[in-house]
Amino acid sequence: MISMQEVNPRVRGIRTPTSLQNLAACITKQITQGVKKPFMLVTDVSSGDPHRAGMAPISFFRQVLAVCLHPELLAETSLPQDVRQRAQILLGTCNGGSVGSYSLTSYGLPHVLKSVAEFIRRRDDGVTSHPEDIIFSNGSQKTLMVKDIVWCIISRFDITLLKTFSNHPPFLMTQ
């Protein structure tokens, strides 16, 4: 874990996305005025919206989601076969064959949790990951709220809580 002493003092003082956006605008202005920087472009991704930053949408995930939300599309031959197969697998793991039904856990579909745990195991060279240790939520704010509630509950016990940092930095500076 990084301590406050290890954080760059200029970053430590930034408290709101607005400050970051102002800093990005200032740096962008400097670049356009010819000030030399180790990068040529500042892309504001503070909204967490990669499309706003210029990243093209990944069609596969959107298509699978569309089929899961409207299963009649499984018969649509204009969609790629792998999209229809993935959607069929996901729908098959849902109670009632619908993403609108409740799952057996409140943390996500068991099939998806197991797939993510297996991915982590492969990615991390065999380090064991358990599906029951993975929680999906609809955003970092909700996850942090749950973490705070859990922390209040377990603080009475000798338990360790491992928390990861968000992996989308406020700004991406590219050369």
N, C-alpha and C. Protein backbone atom coordinates (compact mmCIF):
# COMPACT_ATOMS: atom_id res chain seq x y z
N MET A 1 0.84 -1.18 0.00
CA MET A 1 0.00 0.00 0.00
C MET A 1 0.89 1.24 0.00
N ILE A 2 0.51 2.27 -0.73
CA ILE A 2 1.27 3.50 -0.81
C ILE A 2 0.89 4.40 0.35
N SER A 3 1.91 4.96 1.01
CA SER A 3 1.63 5.90 2.09
C SER A 3 1.56 7.31 1.50
N MET A 4 1.00 8.23 2.24
CA MET A 4 0.87 9.61 1.76
C MET A 4 2.23 10.24 1.48
N GLN A 5 3.27 9.79 2.19
CA GLN A 5 4.61 10.34 1.97
C GLN A 5 5.15 9.94 0.60
N GLU A 6 4.68 8.83 0.05
CA GLU A 6 5.15 8.35 -1.24
C GLU A 6 4.41 9.00 -2.41
N VAL A 7 3.31 9.69 -2.15
CA VAL A 7 2.52 10.31 -3.20
C VAL A 7 3.11 11.67 -3.54
N ASN A 8 3.24 11.92 -4.83
CA ASN A 8 3.75 13.20 -5.31
C ASN A 8 2.95 14.33 -4.67
N PRO A 9 3.62 15.33 -4.06
CA PRO A 9 2.91 16.43 -3.37
C PRO A 9 1.93 17.17 -4.29
N ARG A 10 2.25 17.27 -5.58
CA ARG A 10 1.32 17.96 -6.50
C ARG A 10 0.05 17.17 -6.68
N VAL A 11 0.15 15.84 -6.65
CA VAL A 11 -1.04 14.99 -6.79
C VAL A 11 -1.80 14.94 -5.48
N ARG A 12 -1.08 14.92 -4.37
CA ARG A 12 -1.70 14.82 -3.05
C ARG A 12 -2.68 15.97 -2.81
N GLY A 13 -2.40 17.15 -3.35
CA GLY A 13 -3.24 18.31 -3.12
C GLY A 13 -4.50 18.35 -3.98
N ILE A 14 -4.60 17.48 -4.96
CA ILE A 14 -5.76 17.47 -5.85
C ILE A 14 -6.91 16.74 -5.16
N ARG A 15 -8.03 17.40 -5.04
CA ARG A 15 -9.14 16.82 -4.29
C ARG A 15 -10.37 16.49 -5.14
N THR A 16 -10.57 17.17 -6.25
CA THR A 16 -11.79 16.94 -7.02
C THR A 16 -11.45 16.75 -8.48
N PRO A 17 -12.33 16.05 -9.23
CA PRO A 17 -12.10 15.89 -10.67
C PRO A 17 -11.98 17.24 -11.37
N THR A 18 -12.67 18.28 -10.86
CA THR A 18 -12.60 19.59 -11.48
C THR A 18 -11.17 20.11 -11.47
N SER A 19 -10.45 19.90 -10.36
CA SER A 19 -9.06 20.32 -10.29
C SER A 19 -8.22 19.58 -11.31
N LEU A 20 -8.49 18.29 -11.47
CA LEU A 20 -7.76 17.51 -12.46
C LEU A 20 -8.08 17.99 -13.87
N GLN A 21 -9.33 18.30 -14.13
CA GLN A 21 -9.72 18.77 -15.45
C GLN A 21 -9.08 20.13 -15.73
N ASN A 22 -9.01 20.98 -14.71
CA ASN A 22 -8.34 22.28 -14.88
C ASN A 22 -6.86 22.09 -15.17
N LEU A 23 -6.23 21.16 -14.46
CA LEU A 23 -4.81 20.88 -14.68
C LEU A 23 -4.60 20.36 -16.10
N ALA A 24 -5.46 19.47 -16.56
CA ALA A 24 -5.36 18.94 -17.92
C ALA A 24 -5.50 20.05 -18.95
N ALA A 25 -6.45 20.96 -18.73
CA ALA A 25 -6.64 22.08 -19.65
C ALA A 25 -5.42 22.98 -19.67
N CYS A 26 -4.84 23.21 -18.52
CA CYS A 26 -3.63 24.05 -18.41
C CYS A 26 -2.47 23.42 -19.16
N ILE A 27 -2.27 22.12 -18.96
CA ILE A 27 -1.17 21.41 -19.64
C ILE A 27 -1.41 21.39 -21.14
N THR A 28 -2.65 21.17 -21.55
CA THR A 28 -2.98 21.17 -22.98
C THR A 28 -2.68 22.52 -23.59
N LYS A 29 -3.02 23.58 -22.89
CA LYS A 29 -2.73 24.94 -23.38
C LYS A 29 -1.22 25.14 -23.51
N GLN A 30 -0.46 24.68 -22.53
CA GLN A 30 1.00 24.80 -22.58
C GLN A 30 1.56 24.08 -23.81
N ILE A 31 1.05 22.89 -24.07
CA ILE A 31 1.52 22.11 -25.22
C ILE A 31 1.24 22.85 -26.52
N THR A 32 0.03 23.43 -26.64
CA THR A 32 -0.31 24.16 -27.87
C THR A 32 0.52 25.43 -28.03
N GLN A 33 1.04 25.95 -26.91
CA GLN A 33 1.89 27.14 -26.96
C GLN A 33 3.36 26.79 -27.18
N GLY A 34 3.65 25.47 -27.34
CA GLY A 34 5.01 25.07 -27.66
C GLY A 34 5.86 24.63 -26.49
N VAL A 35 5.30 24.59 -25.29
CA VAL A 35 6.06 24.13 -24.12
C VAL A 35 6.34 22.64 -24.30
N LYS A 36 7.60 22.25 -24.15
CA LYS A 36 8.00 20.85 -24.34
C LYS A 36 7.61 20.02 -23.11
N LYS A 37 6.93 18.91 -23.38
CA LYS A 37 6.53 17.95 -22.35
C LYS A 37 7.00 16.57 -22.80
N PRO A 38 7.09 15.60 -21.88
CA PRO A 38 7.49 14.25 -22.29
C PRO A 38 6.34 13.50 -22.99
N PHE A 39 5.27 14.18 -23.30
CA PHE A 39 4.12 13.63 -24.00
C PHE A 39 3.58 14.73 -24.90
N MET A 40 2.78 14.32 -25.89
CA MET A 40 2.27 15.30 -26.85
C MET A 40 0.78 15.57 -26.69
N LEU A 41 0.10 14.76 -25.88
CA LEU A 41 -1.35 14.85 -25.79
C LEU A 41 -1.81 14.50 -24.39
N VAL A 42 -2.79 15.24 -23.88
CA VAL A 42 -3.44 14.93 -22.61
C VAL A 42 -4.88 14.57 -22.94
N THR A 43 -5.29 13.37 -22.55
CA THR A 43 -6.65 12.92 -22.80
C THR A 43 -7.39 12.84 -21.47
N ASP A 44 -8.47 13.56 -21.35
CA ASP A 44 -9.26 13.57 -20.12
C ASP A 44 -10.12 12.31 -20.08
N VAL A 45 -9.80 11.43 -19.16
CA VAL A 45 -10.61 10.23 -18.96
C VAL A 45 -11.16 10.18 -17.54
N SER A 46 -11.24 11.35 -16.90
CA SER A 46 -11.69 11.41 -15.51
C SER A 46 -13.13 10.95 -15.35
N SER A 47 -13.90 10.98 -16.43
CA SER A 47 -15.29 10.54 -16.33
C SER A 47 -15.40 9.02 -16.30
N GLY A 48 -14.29 8.32 -16.57
CA GLY A 48 -14.34 6.86 -16.65
C GLY A 48 -15.00 6.40 -17.94
N ASP A 49 -15.13 7.31 -18.91
CA ASP A 49 -15.78 7.01 -20.17
C ASP A 49 -14.71 6.87 -21.26
N PRO A 50 -14.30 5.63 -21.58
CA PRO A 50 -13.24 5.46 -22.57
C PRO A 50 -13.64 5.93 -23.97
N HIS A 51 -14.92 5.92 -24.28
CA HIS A 51 -15.35 6.37 -25.60
C HIS A 51 -15.16 7.87 -25.74
N ARG A 52 -15.37 8.59 -24.65
CA ARG A 52 -15.12 10.04 -24.66
C ARG A 52 -13.64 10.32 -24.93
N ALA A 53 -12.80 9.39 -24.50
CA ALA A 53 -11.36 9.54 -24.70
C ALA A 53 -10.92 9.06 -26.07
N GLY A 54 -11.87 8.60 -26.90
CA GLY A 54 -11.54 8.21 -28.26
C GLY A 54 -11.41 6.72 -28.50
N MET A 55 -11.62 5.89 -27.47
CA MET A 55 -11.53 4.44 -27.66
C MET A 55 -12.79 3.94 -28.37
N ALA A 56 -12.60 3.15 -29.39
CA ALA A 56 -13.74 2.60 -30.13
C ALA A 56 -14.47 1.57 -29.26
N PRO A 57 -15.80 1.51 -29.37
CA PRO A 57 -16.55 0.51 -28.61
C PRO A 57 -16.14 -0.91 -29.00
N ILE A 58 -16.16 -1.81 -28.05
CA ILE A 58 -15.87 -3.22 -28.34
C ILE A 58 -17.21 -3.88 -28.63
N SER A 59 -17.45 -4.18 -29.88
CA SER A 59 -18.76 -4.66 -30.34
C SER A 59 -19.16 -5.98 -29.70
N PHE A 60 -18.23 -6.90 -29.51
CA PHE A 60 -18.56 -8.23 -28.99
C PHE A 60 -19.36 -8.14 -27.70
N PHE A 61 -18.88 -7.36 -26.74
CA PHE A 61 -19.55 -7.28 -25.44
C PHE A 61 -20.93 -6.65 -25.58
N ARG A 62 -21.03 -5.64 -26.41
CA ARG A 62 -22.33 -4.98 -26.62
C ARG A 62 -23.32 -5.93 -27.29
N GLN A 63 -22.82 -6.71 -28.24
CA GLN A 63 -23.70 -7.66 -28.92
C GLN A 63 -24.17 -8.76 -27.98
N VAL A 64 -23.26 -9.29 -27.16
CA VAL A 64 -23.64 -10.33 -26.19
C VAL A 64 -24.68 -9.76 -25.23
N LEU A 65 -24.45 -8.55 -24.75
CA LEU A 65 -25.42 -7.91 -23.85
C LEU A 65 -26.77 -7.75 -24.53
N ALA A 66 -26.77 -7.31 -25.78
CA ALA A 66 -28.02 -7.13 -26.51
C ALA A 66 -28.79 -8.45 -26.61
N VAL A 67 -28.08 -9.54 -26.92
CA VAL A 67 -28.74 -10.84 -27.03
C VAL A 67 -29.25 -11.30 -25.67
N CYS A 68 -28.47 -11.07 -24.61
CA CYS A 68 -28.93 -11.46 -23.27
C CYS A 68 -30.17 -10.68 -22.86
N LEU A 69 -30.24 -9.42 -23.25
CA LEU A 69 -31.40 -8.60 -22.90
C LEU A 69 -32.61 -8.90 -23.78
N HIS A 70 -32.35 -9.38 -25.00
CA HIS A 70 -33.42 -9.70 -25.95
C HIS A 70 -33.11 -11.07 -26.57
N PRO A 71 -33.41 -12.15 -25.85
CA PRO A 71 -33.01 -13.50 -26.28
C PRO A 71 -33.51 -13.92 -27.67
N GLU A 72 -34.51 -13.24 -28.18
CA GLU A 72 -34.99 -13.57 -29.54
C GLU A 72 -33.87 -13.37 -30.57
N LEU A 73 -32.86 -12.56 -30.21
CA LEU A 73 -31.74 -12.32 -31.13
C LEU A 73 -30.84 -13.56 -31.29
N LEU A 74 -31.04 -14.57 -30.46
CA LEU A 74 -30.26 -15.81 -30.61
C LEU A 74 -30.46 -16.42 -31.99
N ALA A 75 -31.62 -16.18 -32.58
CA ALA A 75 -31.92 -16.72 -33.90
C ALA A 75 -31.43 -15.81 -35.03
N GLU A 76 -30.91 -14.65 -34.67
CA GLU A 76 -30.48 -13.66 -35.67
C GLU A 76 -29.13 -14.06 -36.27
N THR A 77 -29.14 -14.51 -37.51
CA THR A 77 -27.91 -15.00 -38.15
C THR A 77 -26.96 -13.87 -38.54
N SER A 78 -27.40 -12.63 -38.49
CA SER A 78 -26.50 -11.52 -38.81
C SER A 78 -25.50 -11.26 -37.68
N LEU A 79 -25.79 -11.81 -36.49
CA LEU A 79 -24.85 -11.70 -35.37
C LEU A 79 -23.82 -12.82 -35.46
N PRO A 80 -22.58 -12.55 -35.09
CA PRO A 80 -21.55 -13.60 -35.14
C PRO A 80 -21.92 -14.80 -34.26
N GLN A 81 -21.49 -15.97 -34.70
CA GLN A 81 -21.79 -17.21 -33.98
C GLN A 81 -21.25 -17.18 -32.55
N ASP A 82 -20.02 -16.64 -32.35
CA ASP A 82 -19.46 -16.63 -30.99
C ASP A 82 -20.25 -15.74 -30.05
N VAL A 83 -20.86 -14.68 -30.58
CA VAL A 83 -21.72 -13.81 -29.77
C VAL A 83 -22.94 -14.58 -29.31
N ARG A 84 -23.58 -15.30 -30.24
CA ARG A 84 -24.78 -16.05 -29.88
C ARG A 84 -24.46 -17.20 -28.93
N GLN A 85 -23.30 -17.84 -29.11
CA GLN A 85 -22.91 -18.93 -28.20
C GLN A 85 -22.66 -18.41 -26.80
N ARG A 86 -21.94 -17.30 -26.68
CA ARG A 86 -21.64 -16.74 -25.35
C ARG A 86 -22.94 -16.33 -24.66
N ALA A 87 -23.84 -15.67 -25.40
CA ALA A 87 -25.11 -15.25 -24.81
C ALA A 87 -25.93 -16.47 -24.37
N GLN A 88 -25.91 -17.53 -25.17
CA GLN A 88 -26.65 -18.75 -24.82
C GLN A 88 -26.11 -19.36 -23.53
N ILE A 89 -24.78 -19.38 -23.38
CA ILE A 89 -24.18 -19.90 -22.15
C ILE A 89 -24.60 -19.06 -20.95
N LEU A 90 -24.51 -17.74 -21.09
CA LEU A 90 -24.87 -16.85 -19.98
C LEU A 90 -26.34 -16.98 -19.63
N LEU A 91 -27.19 -16.99 -20.64
CA LEU A 91 -28.63 -17.13 -20.37
C LEU A 91 -28.94 -18.48 -19.74
N GLY A 92 -28.19 -19.51 -20.11
CA GLY A 92 -28.39 -20.84 -19.54
C GLY A 92 -28.05 -20.90 -18.07
N THR A 93 -27.21 -19.99 -17.60
CA THR A 93 -26.85 -19.98 -16.18
C THR A 93 -27.79 -19.11 -15.35
N CYS A 94 -28.65 -18.37 -16.01
CA CYS A 94 -29.60 -17.50 -15.30
C CYS A 94 -30.84 -18.29 -14.91
N ASN A 95 -31.33 -18.06 -13.71
CA ASN A 95 -32.60 -18.67 -13.32
C ASN A 95 -33.67 -18.21 -14.29
N GLY A 96 -34.45 -19.12 -14.80
CA GLY A 96 -35.52 -18.76 -15.73
C GLY A 96 -35.01 -18.36 -17.11
N GLY A 97 -33.71 -18.50 -17.37
CA GLY A 97 -33.16 -18.16 -18.68
C GLY A 97 -33.21 -16.69 -19.01
N SER A 98 -33.28 -15.85 -17.99
CA SER A 98 -33.40 -14.41 -18.20
C SER A 98 -32.44 -13.65 -17.29
N VAL A 99 -31.79 -12.61 -17.84
CA VAL A 99 -30.91 -11.80 -17.01
C VAL A 99 -31.70 -10.97 -16.02
N GLY A 100 -33.00 -10.92 -16.18
CA GLY A 100 -33.85 -10.18 -15.25
C GLY A 100 -34.19 -10.97 -14.00
N SER A 101 -33.87 -12.26 -13.98
CA SER A 101 -34.19 -13.07 -12.81
C SER A 101 -33.10 -12.92 -11.75
N TYR A 102 -33.45 -13.25 -10.54
CA TYR A 102 -32.48 -13.18 -9.45
C TYR A 102 -31.46 -14.30 -9.60
N SER A 103 -30.21 -13.98 -9.22
CA SER A 103 -29.18 -15.03 -9.24
C SER A 103 -29.14 -15.69 -7.86
N LEU A 104 -28.43 -16.80 -7.79
CA LEU A 104 -28.33 -17.53 -6.53
C LEU A 104 -27.54 -16.74 -5.48
N THR A 105 -26.67 -15.85 -5.93
CA THR A 105 -25.91 -15.00 -5.01
C THR A 105 -26.20 -13.55 -5.36
N SER A 106 -25.91 -12.67 -4.44
CA SER A 106 -26.12 -11.25 -4.72
C SER A 106 -24.85 -10.62 -5.30
N TYR A 107 -23.82 -11.44 -5.54
CA TYR A 107 -22.54 -10.91 -6.02
C TYR A 107 -22.33 -11.11 -7.51
N GLY A 108 -23.23 -11.77 -8.19
CA GLY A 108 -23.09 -12.01 -9.62
C GLY A 108 -23.44 -13.44 -9.97
N LEU A 109 -23.51 -13.70 -11.27
CA LEU A 109 -23.83 -15.04 -11.74
C LEU A 109 -22.70 -16.01 -11.39
N PRO A 110 -23.02 -17.16 -10.79
CA PRO A 110 -21.98 -18.11 -10.41
C PRO A 110 -21.06 -18.49 -11.57
N HIS A 111 -21.61 -18.68 -12.77
CA HIS A 111 -20.79 -19.03 -13.94
C HIS A 111 -19.77 -17.93 -14.24
N VAL A 112 -20.20 -16.68 -14.15
CA VAL A 112 -19.31 -15.55 -14.42
C VAL A 112 -18.25 -15.44 -13.32
N LEU A 113 -18.66 -15.59 -12.07
CA LEU A 113 -17.71 -15.53 -10.97
C LEU A 113 -16.65 -16.62 -11.11
N LYS A 114 -17.07 -17.83 -11.50
CA LYS A 114 -16.13 -18.93 -11.69
C LYS A 114 -15.19 -18.63 -12.86
N SER A 115 -15.71 -18.08 -13.94
CA SER A 115 -14.89 -17.73 -15.10
C SER A 115 -13.85 -16.66 -14.74
N VAL A 116 -14.25 -15.68 -13.96
CA VAL A 116 -13.32 -14.63 -13.54
C VAL A 116 -12.24 -15.20 -12.62
N ALA A 117 -12.63 -16.06 -11.70
CA ALA A 117 -11.65 -16.68 -10.81
C ALA A 117 -10.64 -17.50 -11.61
N GLU A 118 -11.11 -18.22 -12.61
CA GLU A 118 -10.21 -19.00 -13.47
C GLU A 118 -9.29 -18.09 -14.27
N PHE A 119 -9.83 -16.98 -14.79
CA PHE A 119 -8.99 -16.02 -15.51
C PHE A 119 -7.89 -15.48 -14.61
N ILE A 120 -8.23 -15.12 -13.38
CA ILE A 120 -7.24 -14.59 -12.43
C ILE A 120 -6.17 -15.64 -12.15
N ARG A 121 -6.58 -16.90 -11.99
CA ARG A 121 -5.63 -17.98 -11.74
C ARG A 121 -4.64 -18.10 -12.91
N ARG A 122 -5.15 -18.08 -14.13
CA ARG A 122 -4.27 -18.17 -15.32
C ARG A 122 -3.38 -16.94 -15.44
N ARG A 123 -3.96 -15.76 -15.23
CA ARG A 123 -3.20 -14.51 -15.35
C ARG A 123 -2.09 -14.43 -14.32
N ASP A 124 -2.35 -14.90 -13.11
CA ASP A 124 -1.41 -14.77 -12.00
C ASP A 124 -0.58 -16.03 -11.78
N ASP A 125 -0.36 -16.79 -12.84
CA ASP A 125 0.51 -17.97 -12.80
C ASP A 125 0.14 -18.97 -11.72
N GLY A 126 -1.13 -19.31 -11.63
CA GLY A 126 -1.55 -20.37 -10.73
C GLY A 126 -1.98 -19.95 -9.35
N VAL A 127 -1.90 -18.66 -9.02
CA VAL A 127 -2.35 -18.21 -7.71
C VAL A 127 -3.85 -18.48 -7.61
N THR A 128 -4.25 -19.14 -6.56
CA THR A 128 -5.65 -19.54 -6.41
C THR A 128 -6.56 -18.33 -6.21
N SER A 129 -7.67 -18.34 -6.92
CA SER A 129 -8.70 -17.33 -6.76
C SER A 129 -10.02 -18.07 -6.61
N HIS A 130 -10.83 -17.66 -5.66
CA HIS A 130 -12.08 -18.35 -5.38
C HIS A 130 -13.27 -17.49 -5.82
N PRO A 131 -14.23 -18.09 -6.53
CA PRO A 131 -15.40 -17.33 -6.97
C PRO A 131 -16.13 -16.63 -5.83
N GLU A 132 -16.18 -17.25 -4.66
CA GLU A 132 -16.90 -16.64 -3.52
C GLU A 132 -16.18 -15.42 -2.96
N ASP A 133 -14.94 -15.18 -3.41
CA ASP A 133 -14.20 -14.01 -2.96
C ASP A 133 -14.32 -12.84 -3.95
N ILE A 134 -15.11 -13.02 -4.98
CA ILE A 134 -15.26 -11.99 -6.03
C ILE A 134 -16.65 -11.38 -5.91
N ILE A 135 -16.70 -10.07 -5.97
CA ILE A 135 -17.97 -9.35 -5.91
C ILE A 135 -18.07 -8.43 -7.12
N PHE A 136 -19.17 -8.51 -7.84
CA PHE A 136 -19.45 -7.58 -8.92
C PHE A 136 -20.42 -6.53 -8.41
N SER A 137 -20.25 -5.31 -8.86
CA SER A 137 -21.19 -4.26 -8.51
C SER A 137 -21.37 -3.37 -9.72
N ASN A 138 -22.27 -2.41 -9.60
CA ASN A 138 -22.54 -1.53 -10.73
C ASN A 138 -21.70 -0.27 -10.69
N GLY A 139 -20.54 -0.33 -10.06
CA GLY A 139 -19.64 0.81 -10.08
C GLY A 139 -18.79 0.91 -8.84
N SER A 140 -17.71 1.65 -8.96
CA SER A 140 -16.77 1.74 -7.85
C SER A 140 -17.38 2.40 -6.62
N GLN A 141 -18.28 3.34 -6.79
CA GLN A 141 -18.88 4.00 -5.64
C GLN A 141 -19.69 3.00 -4.82
N LYS A 142 -20.46 2.15 -5.48
CA LYS A 142 -21.25 1.13 -4.77
C LYS A 142 -20.32 0.14 -4.07
N THR A 143 -19.25 -0.25 -4.75
CA THR A 143 -18.31 -1.20 -4.17
C THR A 143 -17.66 -0.61 -2.93
N LEU A 144 -17.26 0.65 -3.01
CA LEU A 144 -16.64 1.29 -1.86
C LEU A 144 -17.62 1.42 -0.70
N MET A 145 -18.89 1.67 -1.00
CA MET A 145 -19.89 1.74 0.05
C MET A 145 -20.03 0.38 0.74
N VAL A 146 -20.07 -0.69 -0.04
CA VAL A 146 -20.15 -2.04 0.51
C VAL A 146 -18.90 -2.31 1.35
N LYS A 147 -17.72 -1.91 0.83
CA LYS A 147 -16.47 -2.11 1.57
C LYS A 147 -16.54 -1.43 2.93
N ASP A 148 -17.07 -0.21 2.97
CA ASP A 148 -17.17 0.51 4.24
C ASP A 148 -18.11 -0.19 5.22
N ILE A 149 -19.20 -0.73 4.72
CA ILE A 149 -20.13 -1.46 5.58
C ILE A 149 -19.46 -2.72 6.11
N VAL A 150 -18.80 -3.45 5.21
CA VAL A 150 -18.10 -4.67 5.62
C VAL A 150 -17.03 -4.33 6.64
N TRP A 151 -16.30 -3.23 6.41
CA TRP A 151 -15.24 -2.83 7.34
C TRP A 151 -15.82 -2.58 8.74
N CYS A 152 -16.97 -1.95 8.80
CA CYS A 152 -17.60 -1.69 10.10
C CYS A 152 -17.94 -3.00 10.80
N ILE A 153 -18.37 -3.99 10.03
CA ILE A 153 -18.75 -5.28 10.62
C ILE A 153 -17.52 -6.05 11.09
N ILE A 154 -16.47 -6.12 10.25
CA ILE A 154 -15.34 -6.97 10.59
C ILE A 154 -14.31 -6.28 11.48
N SER A 155 -14.45 -4.98 11.70
CA SER A 155 -13.45 -4.27 12.51
C SER A 155 -13.42 -4.79 13.95
N ARG A 156 -14.47 -5.47 14.35
CA ARG A 156 -14.50 -6.05 15.69
C ARG A 156 -13.72 -7.36 15.77
N PHE A 157 -13.33 -7.88 14.61
CA PHE A 157 -12.65 -9.17 14.56
C PHE A 157 -11.24 -8.99 13.99
N ASP A 158 -10.42 -9.97 14.15
CA ASP A 158 -9.06 -9.94 13.62
C ASP A 158 -9.08 -10.50 12.19
N ILE A 159 -9.58 -9.68 11.26
CA ILE A 159 -9.72 -10.09 9.86
C ILE A 159 -9.04 -9.03 9.00
N THR A 160 -8.43 -9.48 7.91
CA THR A 160 -7.78 -8.55 6.98
C THR A 160 -8.66 -8.37 5.76
N LEU A 161 -8.77 -7.14 5.30
CA LEU A 161 -9.55 -6.83 4.11
C LEU A 161 -8.59 -6.31 3.06
N LEU A 162 -8.54 -6.96 1.90
CA LEU A 162 -7.66 -6.55 0.81
C LEU A 162 -8.47 -5.71 -0.16
N LYS A 163 -7.97 -4.51 -0.45
CA LYS A 163 -8.66 -3.59 -1.33
C LYS A 163 -7.72 -3.22 -2.47
N THR A 164 -8.24 -3.21 -3.69
CA THR A 164 -7.41 -2.82 -4.83
C THR A 164 -7.70 -1.38 -5.19
N PHE A 165 -6.77 -0.77 -5.91
CA PHE A 165 -6.97 0.58 -6.39
C PHE A 165 -7.68 0.53 -7.73
N SER A 166 -8.41 1.60 -8.05
CA SER A 166 -9.06 1.72 -9.35
C SER A 166 -7.99 1.67 -10.43
N ASN A 167 -8.29 1.02 -11.55
CA ASN A 167 -7.27 0.92 -12.59
C ASN A 167 -7.50 1.87 -13.76
N HIS A 168 -8.39 2.85 -13.60
CA HIS A 168 -8.49 3.85 -14.65
C HIS A 168 -8.02 5.20 -14.09
N PRO A 169 -6.79 5.60 -14.51
CA PRO A 169 -6.24 6.84 -13.99
C PRO A 169 -7.04 8.04 -14.48
N PRO A 170 -7.03 9.13 -13.73
CA PRO A 170 -7.78 10.31 -14.13
C PRO A 170 -7.36 10.85 -15.49
N PHE A 171 -6.08 10.77 -15.79
CA PHE A 171 -5.61 11.27 -17.07
C PHE A 171 -4.61 10.32 -17.67
N LEU A 172 -4.65 10.19 -18.96
CA LEU A 172 -3.71 9.36 -19.69
C LEU A 172 -2.87 10.29 -20.55
N MET A 173 -1.57 10.31 -20.31
CA MET A 173 -0.69 11.15 -21.09
C MET A 173 0.10 10.25 -22.04
N THR A 174 -0.03 10.53 -23.34
CA THR A 174 0.57 9.66 -24.34
C THR A 174 1.64 10.40 -25.12
N GLN A 175 2.61 9.63 -25.59
CA GLN A 175 3.69 10.22 -26.39
C GLN A 175 3.30 10.23 -27.84
